[in-house]
Amino acid sequence: MPAPVPEAPKSEERPKAREIPPAPVTQGAPPVRTAPADRWDDMARELAVCDEKNAIAGAFCVDSTRRKYCTDYWDRVPQCRVTGIKP
């Protein structure tokens, strides 16, 4: 009877998945800054949408739009005039 051939030891570890190294950190050019959109043009566009609504919804729309754009600008620019408005 031939001598038994020893089997190769079985590894208990699974083969590791190939690890992807992290991308290198590069110092690229700073992001391009575009001119900010004119807030008053944006406000005018939103107010134009308010004009298309019925009277009550339009009044609420105008009020919320003015609050959105006029914070820190009340009575400083014509779009945010407060004084002289009669109730």
Foldseek 3Di string as FASTA:
>chain_A
DDDDDDDDDDDPDDDDDDDDDDDDDDDDDDDDDDDDDDLVVVLVVQLVVLVVDDDVSSVVSNVVSLVVRCVVPACPDPSRDDPPDDD
